[in-house]
């Protein structure tokens, strides 16, 4: 089964378990938050690293990938709330609070966080010795002081340190995804943290470009939000051309940081695919991009 198929299957099981017997509108809100997905770039990163390391325990890597995505979806539900971004659309559909109201959006986000760790717990038997480290890595990608919760909290501070903000708001969960894939495969996660962090930084730069120069209809979410909310944006500082160059540099750095592994060709292929997905914004980097991929419809990851 393809990595996309594995991710969707595991997410479907997780959402079904959380929805069975739940209040009907909460169950609908959970499904609305997770399906249809965006690019699923974080769980695909997790599985790509696991595959590069041999992926000896697919149930564990599947669980790690699904947990990462459920936590990401939870963060989007909360991020879209009126108290934060007050976004009306996400992935081309009404945001959860617009479709179901703010109380159910808060509860749905909370339920997805719990579901993420339930998915991990159910995979315990696949590799009990790796389980504690895996849970810690995933949790640290979300929690304070350096996870995505901290990234969101920086928006409430009078001054936002750009690098810290980018690494916590976006990079932390990418870093966790890379490390979790390595742990699930029984490999040292440390070298894969930096790899994941660079991919996350590249994604954030691409997202900055989308926010400045993208089309809200094709992106499936509002644009111009960083300027409206006074948040750091690489495309504002460097221009679109400079941001594209930075994106390419970050993707190259990710490949440079890639440690020796059993199947390096798999992770290199994934990076090339991801580069194309990030709107072909790596022009000028030494990577080779397939220009036909640049015409693919862009969706929010």
Protein backbone atom coordinates (compact mmCIF):
# COMPACT_ATOMS: atom_id res chain seq x y z
CA UNK A 1 0.00 0.00 0.00
CA UNK A 2 1.23 3.52 -0.78
CA UNK A 3 2.17 5.88 2.03
CA UNK A 4 -0.92 7.97 1.27
CA UNK A 5 -3.11 4.88 1.52
CA UNK A 6 -1.54 3.91 4.83
CA UNK A 7 -2.08 7.39 6.24
CA UNK A 8 -5.72 7.65 5.17
CA UNK A 9 -6.51 4.16 6.43
CA UNK A 10 -5.01 4.80 9.87
CA UNK A 11 -6.65 8.22 10.14
CA UNK A 12 -10.00 6.72 9.15
CA UNK A 13 -9.79 4.09 11.88
CA UNK A 14 -8.80 6.70 14.45
CA UNK A 15 -11.66 9.05 13.57
CA UNK A 16 -14.16 6.17 13.49
CA UNK A 17 -13.10 5.11 17.00
CA UNK A 18 -13.40 8.65 18.31
CA UNK A 19 -16.79 9.12 16.63
CA UNK A 20 -18.53 5.87 17.54
CA UNK A 21 -21.23 6.67 20.09
CA UNK A 22 -20.19 10.33 20.30
CA UNK A 23 -22.72 13.15 20.01
CA UNK A 24 -23.57 13.25 16.28
CA UNK A 25 -22.49 16.84 15.64
CA UNK A 26 -19.18 16.30 17.44
CA UNK A 27 -18.59 13.18 15.34
CA UNK A 28 -19.30 15.19 12.19
CA UNK A 29 -16.97 17.97 13.34
CA UNK A 30 -14.14 15.48 13.86
CA UNK A 31 -14.52 14.07 10.38
CA UNK A 32 -14.81 17.57 8.92
CA UNK A 33 -11.51 18.52 10.58
CA UNK A 34 -9.57 15.56 9.20
CA UNK A 35 -11.17 14.81 5.82
CA UNK A 36 -10.55 15.68 3.10
CA UNK A 37 -6.95 16.28 3.99
CA UNK A 38 -4.40 18.58 2.48
CA UNK A 39 -1.02 17.38 1.27
CA UNK A 40 -0.48 15.31 4.46
CA UNK A 41 3.13 16.43 4.24
CA UNK A 42 3.94 15.82 7.92
CA UNK A 43 2.79 12.18 8.08
CA UNK A 44 4.35 11.54 4.68
CA UNK A 45 7.64 12.87 6.05
CA UNK A 46 7.33 10.46 8.97
CA UNK A 47 6.76 7.47 6.68
CA UNK A 48 9.48 8.58 4.26
CA UNK A 49 12.06 8.58 7.06
CA UNK A 50 10.79 5.22 8.32
CA UNK A 51 11.07 3.81 4.78
CA UNK A 52 14.60 5.16 4.40
CA UNK A 53 15.50 3.37 7.65
CA UNK A 54 13.94 0.05 6.56
CA UNK A 55 10.49 0.42 8.20
CA UNK A 56 10.60 -2.91 10.10
CA UNK A 57 7.43 -2.16 12.13
CA UNK A 58 4.82 -0.60 9.80
CA UNK A 59 2.04 -0.58 12.43
CA UNK A 60 4.20 1.66 14.61
CA UNK A 61 5.26 4.00 11.81
CA UNK A 62 1.64 4.21 10.62
CA UNK A 63 0.54 5.13 14.14
CA UNK A 64 3.28 7.74 14.46
CA UNK A 65 2.35 9.30 11.11
CA UNK A 66 -1.37 9.37 11.96
CA UNK A 67 -0.72 10.86 15.39
CA UNK A 68 1.35 13.65 13.85
CA UNK A 69 -1.44 14.44 11.38
CA UNK A 70 -4.18 14.34 14.02
CA UNK A 71 -2.21 16.81 16.12
CA UNK A 72 -1.72 19.02 13.09
CA UNK A 73 -5.46 18.92 12.32
CA UNK A 74 -6.22 19.80 15.94
CA UNK A 75 -3.89 22.79 15.71
CA UNK A 76 -5.65 23.99 12.55
CA UNK A 77 -9.07 23.78 14.19
CA UNK A 78 -7.86 25.87 17.11
CA UNK A 79 -5.77 28.22 14.94
CA UNK A 80 -8.81 29.09 12.83
CA UNK A 81 -10.94 30.12 15.84
CA UNK A 82 -12.06 33.76 16.17
CA UNK A 83 -9.72 34.26 19.14
CA UNK A 84 -6.76 33.51 16.85
CA UNK A 85 -7.00 33.85 13.05
CA UNK A 86 -10.80 33.97 12.70
CA UNK A 87 -10.46 32.12 9.37
CA UNK A 88 -13.56 31.27 7.39
CA UNK A 89 -12.15 28.54 5.12
CA UNK A 90 -9.65 25.74 5.38
CA UNK A 91 -8.75 23.28 2.62
CA UNK A 92 -11.48 24.76 0.49
CA UNK A 93 -14.25 24.17 3.04
CA UNK A 94 -15.74 26.16 5.91
CA UNK A 95 -13.59 26.00 9.01
CA UNK A 96 -14.89 23.82 11.83
CA UNK A 97 -16.12 26.72 13.93
CA UNK A 98 -17.97 28.18 10.90
CA UNK A 99 -19.60 24.83 10.14
CA UNK A 100 -20.35 23.66 13.69
CA UNK A 101 -19.91 26.64 16.03
CA UNK A 102 -17.10 27.62 18.37
CA UNK A 103 -17.92 25.25 21.29
CA UNK A 104 -17.80 22.17 19.07
CA UNK A 105 -14.66 23.43 17.34
CA UNK A 106 -12.85 23.70 20.68
CA UNK A 107 -14.07 20.23 21.69
CA UNK A 108 -13.19 18.72 18.31
CA UNK A 109 -9.64 20.07 18.51
CA UNK A 110 -9.28 18.69 22.02
CA UNK A 111 -10.67 15.32 20.96
CA UNK A 112 -8.19 15.07 18.08
CA UNK A 113 -5.28 15.65 20.47
CA UNK A 114 -6.49 12.79 22.66
CA UNK A 115 -7.10 10.60 19.59
CA UNK A 116 -3.49 11.13 18.48
CA UNK A 117 -2.11 9.61 21.66
CA UNK A 118 -4.72 6.85 21.61
CA UNK A 119 -3.45 5.87 18.15
CA UNK A 120 0.07 5.63 19.54
CA UNK A 121 -1.08 3.63 22.56
CA UNK A 122 -2.82 1.06 20.37
CA UNK A 123 0.44 0.47 18.51
CA UNK A 124 2.41 -0.25 21.70
CA UNK A 125 2.64 -3.98 21.02
CA UNK A 126 4.39 -3.42 17.69
CA UNK A 127 7.61 -2.31 19.43
CA UNK A 128 7.25 -1.80 23.20
CA UNK A 129 10.89 -0.77 23.63
CA UNK A 130 10.49 2.18 21.24
CA UNK A 131 7.15 3.39 22.59
CA UNK A 132 8.26 5.73 25.44
CA UNK A 133 10.72 7.62 23.24
CA UNK A 134 8.15 7.88 20.45
CA UNK A 135 5.50 9.35 22.75
CA UNK A 136 8.00 11.85 24.16
CA UNK A 137 9.10 13.02 20.71
CA UNK A 138 5.55 13.49 19.48
CA UNK A 139 4.50 15.28 22.66
CA UNK A 140 7.49 17.65 22.54
CA UNK A 141 6.55 18.61 18.99
CA UNK A 142 3.28 19.99 20.34
CA UNK A 143 3.90 21.16 23.89
CA UNK A 144 5.70 24.14 25.41
CA UNK A 145 8.41 25.33 25.47
CA UNK A 146 9.36 24.56 21.87
CA UNK A 147 6.34 22.88 20.25
CA UNK A 148 3.55 24.28 18.13
CA UNK A 149 1.63 25.47 21.20
CA UNK A 150 4.57 27.74 22.00
CA UNK A 151 4.58 28.88 18.39
CA UNK A 152 0.95 29.90 18.68
CA UNK A 153 1.66 31.61 22.00
CA UNK A 154 4.39 33.78 20.48
CA UNK A 155 1.62 35.56 18.58
CA UNK A 156 0.41 36.94 21.92
CA UNK A 157 3.79 38.48 22.75
CA UNK A 158 4.64 42.11 21.94
CA UNK A 159 7.68 41.04 19.91
CA UNK A 160 7.99 37.87 17.85
CA UNK A 161 11.52 36.50 17.26
CA UNK A 162 11.30 35.39 13.65
CA UNK A 163 13.49 32.27 13.75
CA UNK A 164 12.06 31.04 17.04
CA UNK A 165 8.53 31.67 15.79
CA UNK A 166 9.11 29.79 12.54
CA UNK A 167 10.75 26.84 14.27
CA UNK A 168 8.05 26.49 16.90
CA UNK A 169 4.92 27.37 14.93
CA UNK A 170 5.83 25.12 11.99
CA UNK A 171 9.22 23.45 12.31
CA UNK A 172 8.57 21.67 15.62
CA UNK A 173 6.01 19.24 14.25
CA UNK A 174 8.12 18.57 11.16
CA UNK A 175 11.08 17.87 13.42
CA UNK A 176 8.90 15.50 15.45
CA UNK A 177 7.72 13.78 12.27
CA UNK A 178 11.27 13.10 11.13
CA UNK A 179 12.38 11.88 14.54
CA UNK A 180 9.24 9.76 15.00
CA UNK A 181 9.80 8.01 11.67
CA UNK A 182 13.34 7.11 12.72
CA UNK A 183 12.26 5.88 16.15
CA UNK A 184 9.47 3.75 14.67
CA UNK A 185 12.09 2.13 12.42
CA UNK A 186 14.50 1.54 15.28
CA UNK A 187 17.04 4.16 14.16
CA UNK A 188 18.70 7.05 15.94
CA UNK A 189 16.28 10.00 15.73
CA UNK A 190 18.85 12.72 16.41
CA UNK A 191 20.16 13.19 12.84
CA UNK A 192 16.64 13.18 11.44
CA UNK A 193 15.52 16.03 13.70
CA UNK A 194 17.53 18.58 11.75
CA UNK A 195 16.37 17.06 8.47
CA UNK A 196 12.75 17.47 9.55
CA UNK A 197 13.39 20.96 10.87
CA UNK A 198 14.77 22.10 7.51
CA UNK A 199 11.78 20.64 5.68
CA UNK A 200 9.51 22.48 8.12
CA UNK A 201 11.31 25.77 7.58
CA UNK A 202 11.00 25.28 3.83
CA UNK A 203 7.30 24.61 4.18
CA UNK A 204 6.84 27.80 6.21
CA UNK A 205 8.65 29.87 3.59
CA UNK A 206 6.42 28.37 0.89
CA UNK A 207 3.39 29.17 3.03
CA UNK A 208 4.64 32.74 3.39
CA UNK A 209 4.87 33.01 -0.40
CA UNK A 210 1.34 31.63 -0.74
CA UNK A 211 0.07 34.18 1.78
CA UNK A 212 1.57 37.06 -0.24
CA UNK A 213 1.21 35.89 -3.85
CA UNK A 214 -1.24 32.99 -3.73
CA UNK A 215 -4.86 32.76 -4.73
CA UNK A 216 -7.32 32.11 -1.91
CA UNK A 217 -9.63 30.02 -4.09
CA UNK A 218 -6.95 27.59 -5.27
CA UNK A 219 -5.28 27.51 -1.86
CA UNK A 220 -8.55 26.83 -0.09
CA UNK A 221 -7.80 29.34 2.68
CA UNK A 222 -7.58 33.13 3.06
CA UNK A 223 -4.46 35.00 1.93
CA UNK A 224 -2.91 38.19 3.26
CA UNK A 225 -3.39 37.09 6.86
CA UNK A 226 0.21 37.66 7.98
CA UNK A 227 0.11 41.29 6.92
CA UNK A 228 -3.33 41.81 8.47
CA UNK A 229 -2.26 40.24 11.77
CA UNK A 230 1.24 41.71 11.89
CA UNK A 231 3.08 38.36 11.77
CA UNK A 232 6.54 37.59 10.35
CA UNK A 233 6.57 36.61 6.69
CA UNK A 234 9.66 35.76 4.63
CA UNK A 235 8.09 36.99 1.40
CA UNK A 236 7.49 40.39 2.98
CA UNK A 237 11.13 40.63 4.05
CA UNK A 238 12.86 39.04 1.07
CA UNK A 239 10.35 39.42 -1.73
CA UNK A 240 8.87 36.47 -3.59
CA UNK A 241 12.06 35.86 -5.60
CA UNK A 242 14.28 35.95 -2.53
CA UNK A 243 11.89 33.65 -0.69
CA UNK A 244 11.96 31.13 -3.53
CA UNK A 245 15.75 31.11 -3.35
CA UNK A 246 15.63 30.61 0.42
CA UNK A 247 13.16 27.75 0.00
CA UNK A 248 15.51 25.99 -2.40
CA UNK A 249 18.45 26.50 -0.05
CA UNK A 250 16.51 24.97 2.85
CA UNK A 251 15.58 21.91 0.80
CA UNK A 252 19.20 21.48 -0.21
CA UNK A 253 20.25 21.79 3.43
CA UNK A 254 17.75 19.09 4.34
CA UNK A 255 19.44 16.71 1.91
CA UNK A 256 22.84 17.70 3.28
CA UNK A 257 21.65 16.86 6.79
CA UNK A 258 20.31 13.44 5.77
CA UNK A 259 22.26 10.77 7.71
CA UNK A 260 23.38 7.44 6.22
CA UNK A 261 20.42 5.08 5.92
CA UNK A 262 19.39 1.83 4.25
CA UNK A 263 17.38 3.42 1.43
CA UNK A 264 18.65 6.96 0.76
CA UNK A 265 17.03 6.96 -2.67
CA UNK A 266 13.58 6.85 -1.07
CA UNK A 267 14.06 9.94 1.01
CA UNK A 268 15.70 11.82 -1.88
CA UNK A 269 12.71 10.99 -4.09
CA UNK A 270 10.38 12.23 -1.36
CA UNK A 271 12.28 15.52 -1.06
CA UNK A 272 12.02 16.08 -4.81
CA UNK A 273 8.30 15.36 -4.73
CA UNK A 274 7.88 17.69 -1.78
CA UNK A 275 9.87 20.42 -3.53
CA UNK A 276 7.46 20.23 -6.46
CA UNK A 277 4.49 20.33 -4.09
CA UNK A 278 5.79 23.47 -2.43
CA UNK A 279 4.77 25.38 -5.58
CA UNK A 280 8.09 24.83 -7.34
CA UNK A 281 9.50 27.57 -5.17
CA UNK A 282 12.98 26.06 -5.03
CA UNK A 283 14.06 27.53 -8.34
CA UNK A 284 17.72 28.36 -8.24
CA UNK A 285 18.56 25.48 -5.90
CA UNK A 286 20.65 22.59 -7.08
CA UNK A 287 17.68 20.21 -6.91
CA UNK A 288 16.10 19.14 -10.19
CA UNK A 289 12.38 19.87 -10.36
CA UNK A 290 9.83 18.51 -12.77
CA UNK A 291 8.11 21.64 -14.08
CA UNK A 292 4.97 19.68 -14.92
CA UNK A 293 4.46 19.17 -11.21
CA UNK A 294 4.31 22.93 -10.69
CA UNK A 295 0.94 23.02 -12.38
CA UNK A 296 -0.58 20.71 -9.76
CA UNK A 297 -3.37 22.35 -7.81
CA UNK A 298 -1.99 23.67 -4.56
CA UNK A 299 -3.82 22.73 -1.37
CA UNK A 300 -3.17 23.66 2.19
CA UNK A 301 -1.08 21.03 3.87
